[in-house]
N, C-alpha and C. Protein backbone atom coordinates (compact mmCIF):
# COMPACT_ATOMS: atom_id res chain seq x y z
N MET A 1 5.44 292.60 -17.92
CA MET A 1 6.81 292.06 -17.51
C MET A 1 6.78 290.91 -16.66
N SER A 2 7.56 289.98 -16.86
CA SER A 2 7.43 288.80 -16.09
C SER A 2 8.26 288.88 -14.69
N ILE A 3 7.58 288.33 -13.42
CA ILE A 3 8.40 288.25 -12.36
C ILE A 3 9.13 287.18 -12.06
N ALA A 4 9.24 286.22 -12.95
CA ALA A 4 9.97 284.75 -12.97
C ALA A 4 11.49 285.28 -12.73
N ARG A 5 11.95 284.34 -12.03
CA ARG A 5 13.69 284.32 -11.72
C ARG A 5 14.12 283.97 -13.27
N ILE A 6 13.48 283.20 -13.89
CA ILE A 6 13.86 282.49 -15.30
C ILE A 6 13.14 283.24 -16.45
N LYS A 7 13.64 283.70 -17.44
CA LYS A 7 13.39 284.21 -18.79
C LYS A 7 13.47 283.47 -19.74
N LYS A 8 12.82 283.84 -20.87
CA LYS A 8 13.18 283.11 -22.19
C LYS A 8 14.54 283.64 -22.43
N HIS A 9 15.36 282.79 -23.33
CA HIS A 9 16.62 282.98 -23.66
C HIS A 9 17.80 282.93 -22.47
N ASP A 10 17.36 282.73 -21.44
CA ASP A 10 18.18 282.52 -20.40
C ASP A 10 19.07 281.15 -20.45
N THR A 11 20.17 281.07 -20.04
CA THR A 11 20.84 279.89 -20.11
C THR A 11 20.73 279.36 -18.65
N VAL A 12 20.30 277.97 -18.39
CA VAL A 12 20.02 277.50 -17.12
C VAL A 12 20.64 276.14 -17.18
N ILE A 13 20.59 275.72 -15.71
CA ILE A 13 21.43 274.48 -15.50
C ILE A 13 20.51 273.62 -14.76
N ALA A 14 20.28 272.32 -15.03
CA ALA A 14 19.53 271.34 -14.44
C ALA A 14 20.02 271.09 -13.09
N ILE A 15 19.31 271.14 -11.97
CA ILE A 15 19.94 270.61 -10.60
C ILE A 15 19.46 269.66 -10.17
N SER A 16 18.61 268.64 -10.81
CA SER A 16 18.31 267.61 -10.44
C SER A 16 17.54 266.73 -11.44
N GLY A 17 17.46 265.37 -11.21
CA GLY A 17 16.70 264.49 -12.08
C GLY A 17 17.94 263.94 -13.35
N GLU A 18 17.38 263.57 -14.28
CA GLU A 18 18.12 262.85 -15.29
C GLU A 18 19.27 263.54 -16.03
N TYR A 19 18.85 265.00 -16.07
CA TYR A 19 19.71 265.67 -16.72
C TYR A 19 20.68 266.69 -15.77
N ALA A 20 20.61 266.41 -14.36
CA ALA A 20 21.40 267.18 -13.49
C ALA A 20 22.93 267.69 -14.02
N GLY A 21 23.12 268.73 -13.93
CA GLY A 21 24.50 269.31 -14.32
C GLY A 21 24.69 269.91 -15.75
N LYS A 22 23.71 269.43 -16.47
CA LYS A 22 23.82 269.94 -17.90
C LYS A 22 23.05 271.28 -18.08
N THR A 23 23.58 272.00 -19.07
CA THR A 23 23.03 273.41 -19.28
C THR A 23 22.44 273.56 -20.73
N GLY A 24 21.43 274.50 -20.80
CA GLY A 24 20.84 274.91 -22.06
C GLY A 24 20.03 276.19 -22.17
N LYS A 25 19.63 276.47 -23.06
CA LYS A 25 18.92 277.52 -23.40
C LYS A 25 17.62 277.44 -23.19
N VAL A 26 16.67 278.39 -22.70
CA VAL A 26 15.40 278.52 -22.37
C VAL A 26 14.50 278.96 -23.70
N THR A 27 13.81 277.88 -24.30
CA THR A 27 13.15 278.13 -25.35
C THR A 27 11.37 278.71 -25.46
N ARG A 28 10.98 278.27 -23.95
CA ARG A 28 9.58 278.52 -23.70
C ARG A 28 9.30 278.67 -22.26
N ILE A 29 8.43 279.49 -21.99
CA ILE A 29 8.17 279.28 -20.41
C ILE A 29 6.50 279.20 -20.45
N ASP A 30 6.09 278.28 -19.31
CA ASP A 30 4.76 278.36 -19.21
C ASP A 30 4.50 278.81 -17.84
N LEU A 31 4.13 279.89 -17.39
CA LEU A 31 4.13 280.56 -15.95
C LEU A 31 2.91 279.74 -15.28
N ARG A 32 1.84 279.58 -16.02
CA ARG A 32 0.66 278.83 -15.43
C ARG A 32 0.89 277.33 -14.99
N LYS A 33 1.99 276.68 -15.64
CA LYS A 33 2.15 275.63 -15.36
C LYS A 33 3.41 275.33 -14.43
N ASN A 34 4.20 276.44 -14.37
CA ASN A 34 5.40 276.50 -13.78
C ASN A 34 6.47 275.61 -14.44
N VAL A 35 6.57 275.65 -15.60
CA VAL A 35 7.56 274.63 -16.35
C VAL A 35 8.30 275.39 -17.34
N VAL A 36 9.52 274.92 -17.87
CA VAL A 36 10.15 275.68 -18.88
C VAL A 36 10.45 274.54 -19.93
N PHE A 37 11.07 275.00 -21.26
CA PHE A 37 11.35 274.13 -21.98
C PHE A 37 12.77 274.50 -22.41
N VAL A 38 13.80 273.52 -22.13
CA VAL A 38 15.10 273.98 -22.38
C VAL A 38 15.52 273.06 -23.55
N GLU A 39 16.40 273.91 -24.43
CA GLU A 39 16.79 273.63 -25.58
C GLU A 39 17.84 272.19 -25.36
N GLY A 40 17.79 271.06 -25.80
CA GLY A 40 18.61 269.87 -25.67
C GLY A 40 18.54 268.93 -24.56
N LEU A 41 17.60 269.62 -23.61
CA LEU A 41 17.38 268.73 -22.33
C LEU A 41 15.82 268.22 -22.45
N ASN A 42 15.68 266.99 -21.72
CA ASN A 42 14.46 266.29 -21.45
C ASN A 42 13.66 266.15 -22.81
N LEU A 43 14.71 265.54 -23.91
CA LEU A 43 13.99 265.49 -25.28
C LEU A 43 13.30 263.91 -25.31
N VAL A 44 11.80 264.13 -26.22
CA VAL A 44 11.20 262.69 -26.11
C VAL A 44 10.73 262.63 -27.38
N LYS A 45 10.61 261.50 -27.82
CA LYS A 45 10.25 261.05 -29.36
C LYS A 45 8.84 261.17 -29.45
N LYS A 46 8.31 261.81 -30.65
CA LYS A 46 6.86 261.98 -30.91
C LYS A 46 6.74 261.51 -32.20
N ALA A 47 5.53 260.91 -32.51
CA ALA A 47 5.05 260.21 -33.67
C ALA A 47 4.38 261.31 -34.53
N VAL A 48 4.90 261.47 -35.74
CA VAL A 48 4.27 262.39 -36.48
C VAL A 48 3.58 261.88 -37.92
N ARG A 49 2.54 262.51 -37.79
CA ARG A 49 1.49 261.88 -39.23
C ARG A 49 2.17 262.49 -40.32
N PRO A 50 2.22 261.82 -41.51
CA PRO A 50 2.51 262.12 -42.89
C PRO A 50 1.79 263.54 -43.19
N SER A 51 2.65 264.50 -43.73
CA SER A 51 2.06 265.91 -43.90
C SER A 51 2.87 266.55 -45.24
N GLN A 52 2.58 267.52 -45.61
CA GLN A 52 3.28 268.18 -46.80
C GLN A 52 4.70 268.41 -46.41
N THR A 53 4.85 268.79 -45.04
CA THR A 53 6.27 269.25 -44.78
C THR A 53 7.02 268.03 -44.53
N LYS A 54 6.43 266.74 -44.12
CA LYS A 54 7.01 265.56 -43.82
C LYS A 54 6.21 264.48 -44.25
N PRO A 55 6.52 264.39 -45.39
CA PRO A 55 5.65 263.45 -46.57
C PRO A 55 5.57 261.96 -45.84
N ASP A 56 6.81 261.49 -45.31
CA ASP A 56 6.78 259.97 -44.92
C ASP A 56 6.38 259.92 -43.58
N GLY A 57 6.21 260.96 -42.77
CA GLY A 57 5.78 260.86 -41.12
C GLY A 57 6.94 260.54 -40.46
N GLY A 58 6.80 259.72 -39.43
CA GLY A 58 7.92 259.17 -38.71
C GLY A 58 8.13 259.54 -37.15
N PHE A 59 9.07 259.66 -36.66
CA PHE A 59 9.46 260.26 -35.29
C PHE A 59 10.31 261.42 -35.31
N VAL A 60 9.89 262.48 -34.33
CA VAL A 60 10.63 263.81 -34.25
C VAL A 60 11.10 263.71 -32.63
N GLU A 61 12.16 264.25 -32.36
CA GLU A 61 12.58 264.57 -31.05
C GLU A 61 12.29 266.02 -30.71
N ILE A 62 11.52 266.24 -29.58
CA ILE A 62 11.07 267.44 -29.16
C ILE A 62 11.44 267.55 -27.49
N GLU A 63 11.54 268.92 -27.33
CA GLU A 63 11.73 269.05 -25.77
C GLU A 63 10.48 268.93 -25.04
N ALA A 64 10.48 268.26 -23.95
CA ALA A 64 9.20 268.20 -22.89
C ALA A 64 9.52 269.24 -21.94
N PRO A 65 8.69 269.60 -21.24
CA PRO A 65 8.73 270.56 -20.09
C PRO A 65 9.54 270.14 -19.10
N ILE A 66 10.40 270.85 -18.33
CA ILE A 66 11.00 270.68 -17.08
C ILE A 66 10.25 271.50 -16.05
N ARG A 67 10.10 271.14 -14.87
CA ARG A 67 9.53 271.94 -13.57
C ARG A 67 10.34 273.00 -13.39
N MET A 68 10.24 274.34 -13.19
CA MET A 68 11.12 275.34 -12.97
C MET A 68 11.83 275.36 -11.57
N SER A 69 11.21 274.66 -10.88
CA SER A 69 12.28 274.25 -9.48
C SER A 69 13.31 273.42 -9.80
N LYS A 70 13.25 272.77 -10.75
CA LYS A 70 14.55 271.74 -11.28
C LYS A 70 15.70 272.64 -11.82
N VAL A 71 15.61 273.90 -12.20
CA VAL A 71 16.57 274.34 -12.82
C VAL A 71 17.02 275.82 -12.48
N MET A 72 18.18 276.21 -12.43
CA MET A 72 18.75 277.53 -11.88
C MET A 72 19.22 278.27 -13.07
N PRO A 73 19.23 279.60 -12.90
CA PRO A 73 20.11 280.32 -13.72
C PRO A 73 21.46 280.08 -13.88
N TYR A 74 22.17 279.98 -15.07
CA TYR A 74 23.43 279.56 -15.20
C TYR A 74 24.45 280.88 -15.22
N ASP A 75 25.40 281.00 -14.40
CA ASP A 75 26.37 282.03 -14.66
C ASP A 75 27.79 281.70 -14.89
N ALA A 76 27.86 282.06 -16.36
CA ALA A 76 29.20 281.38 -16.96
C ALA A 76 30.45 281.91 -16.21
N GLU A 77 30.52 283.03 -15.76
CA GLU A 77 31.74 283.42 -14.89
C GLU A 77 31.94 282.66 -13.61
N ALA A 78 30.88 282.32 -13.04
CA ALA A 78 30.92 281.42 -11.72
C ALA A 78 31.01 280.02 -11.99
N LYS A 79 30.54 279.79 -13.24
CA LYS A 79 30.57 278.23 -13.96
C LYS A 79 29.84 277.45 -12.98
N LYS A 80 28.55 277.80 -12.71
CA LYS A 80 27.50 277.09 -11.71
C LYS A 80 26.22 277.93 -11.80
N GLY A 81 25.39 277.27 -11.27
CA GLY A 81 24.11 277.59 -11.00
C GLY A 81 24.04 278.72 -9.81
N VAL A 82 23.17 279.85 -10.26
CA VAL A 82 23.13 280.74 -9.00
C VAL A 82 21.93 281.38 -8.60
N ARG A 83 21.81 281.74 -7.57
CA ARG A 83 20.72 282.49 -7.08
C ARG A 83 20.71 283.78 -7.54
N ILE A 84 19.40 284.61 -7.64
CA ILE A 84 19.95 286.04 -8.02
C ILE A 84 18.95 286.74 -7.17
N ARG A 85 19.21 288.07 -7.19
CA ARG A 85 18.38 289.22 -6.61
C ARG A 85 17.97 290.27 -7.40
N ARG A 86 17.10 290.99 -7.29
CA ARG A 86 16.68 292.04 -8.33
C ARG A 86 17.07 293.26 -7.65
N VAL A 87 17.74 294.16 -8.47
CA VAL A 87 18.28 295.34 -8.21
C VAL A 87 17.58 296.67 -9.26
N ARG A 88 16.83 297.65 -8.55
CA ARG A 88 16.48 298.59 -9.27
C ARG A 88 17.43 299.57 -9.71
N THR A 89 17.72 299.75 -10.96
CA THR A 89 18.69 300.91 -11.59
C THR A 89 17.72 301.94 -12.26
N GLY A 90 17.61 302.96 -11.86
CA GLY A 90 16.65 303.81 -12.77
C GLY A 90 15.22 303.35 -12.41
N ASP A 91 14.58 303.25 -13.57
CA ASP A 91 13.11 302.67 -13.71
C ASP A 91 12.93 301.11 -14.13
N THR A 92 14.13 300.43 -14.18
CA THR A 92 14.09 299.18 -14.30
C THR A 92 14.62 298.36 -13.34
N LEU A 93 14.22 296.82 -13.35
CA LEU A 93 14.48 296.11 -12.49
C LEU A 93 15.61 295.03 -13.06
N GLU A 94 16.80 294.90 -12.64
CA GLU A 94 17.80 293.93 -13.36
C GLU A 94 17.92 292.85 -12.35
N ARG A 95 18.24 291.49 -13.10
CA ARG A 95 18.66 290.28 -12.06
C ARG A 95 20.07 290.37 -11.88
N VAL A 96 20.52 290.30 -10.97
CA VAL A 96 21.67 290.21 -10.50
C VAL A 96 22.21 288.87 -9.92
N SER A 97 23.40 288.20 -10.49
CA SER A 97 23.65 287.07 -9.95
C SER A 97 24.69 287.26 -8.29
N LYS A 98 24.06 286.45 -7.34
CA LYS A 98 24.53 286.69 -5.95
C LYS A 98 26.07 286.27 -5.86
N ALA A 99 26.64 285.37 -6.71
CA ALA A 99 27.70 284.73 -6.52
C ALA A 99 28.93 285.74 -6.96
N THR A 100 28.39 286.69 -8.20
CA THR A 100 29.52 287.22 -8.98
C THR A 100 28.95 288.79 -8.89
N ASN A 101 27.80 289.43 -8.62
CA ASN A 101 27.21 290.58 -8.66
C ASN A 101 27.18 290.92 -10.10
N LYS A 102 27.28 290.14 -11.02
CA LYS A 102 26.91 290.54 -12.31
C LYS A 102 25.61 290.47 -12.85
N VAL A 103 25.21 291.52 -13.86
CA VAL A 103 23.99 291.59 -14.21
C VAL A 103 23.83 290.38 -15.03
N LEU A 104 22.57 289.45 -15.09
CA LEU A 104 22.12 288.45 -15.97
C LEU A 104 21.44 289.03 -17.10
N HIS A 105 22.04 288.37 -18.17
CA HIS A 105 21.14 288.74 -19.30
C HIS A 105 20.92 287.18 -20.10
N GLY A 106 19.81 287.31 -21.38
CA GLY A 106 19.27 286.08 -21.94
C GLY A 106 20.45 285.47 -22.79
């Protein structure tokens, strides 16, 4: 179980940088490097060699990592990035929005 405040499939909002204010879904997390990959944010072009799947090669756009400190969990009900707290219900820990007291799901 991860103790990170952001998990895979969470909707997050960028709070600083070029993409500040934009939201997206987390596709990957690297806890060792403390970065997240967000769908549609921080896109970079990468040169691809010709292969069987892409016989002409060319350029593709992929998501580059964003520091975890630059994103916050997004609460659709509050329509903003929110801080979270962990609440134990039974034998599980749930992440709860401090703004609306609703459980955050991915």
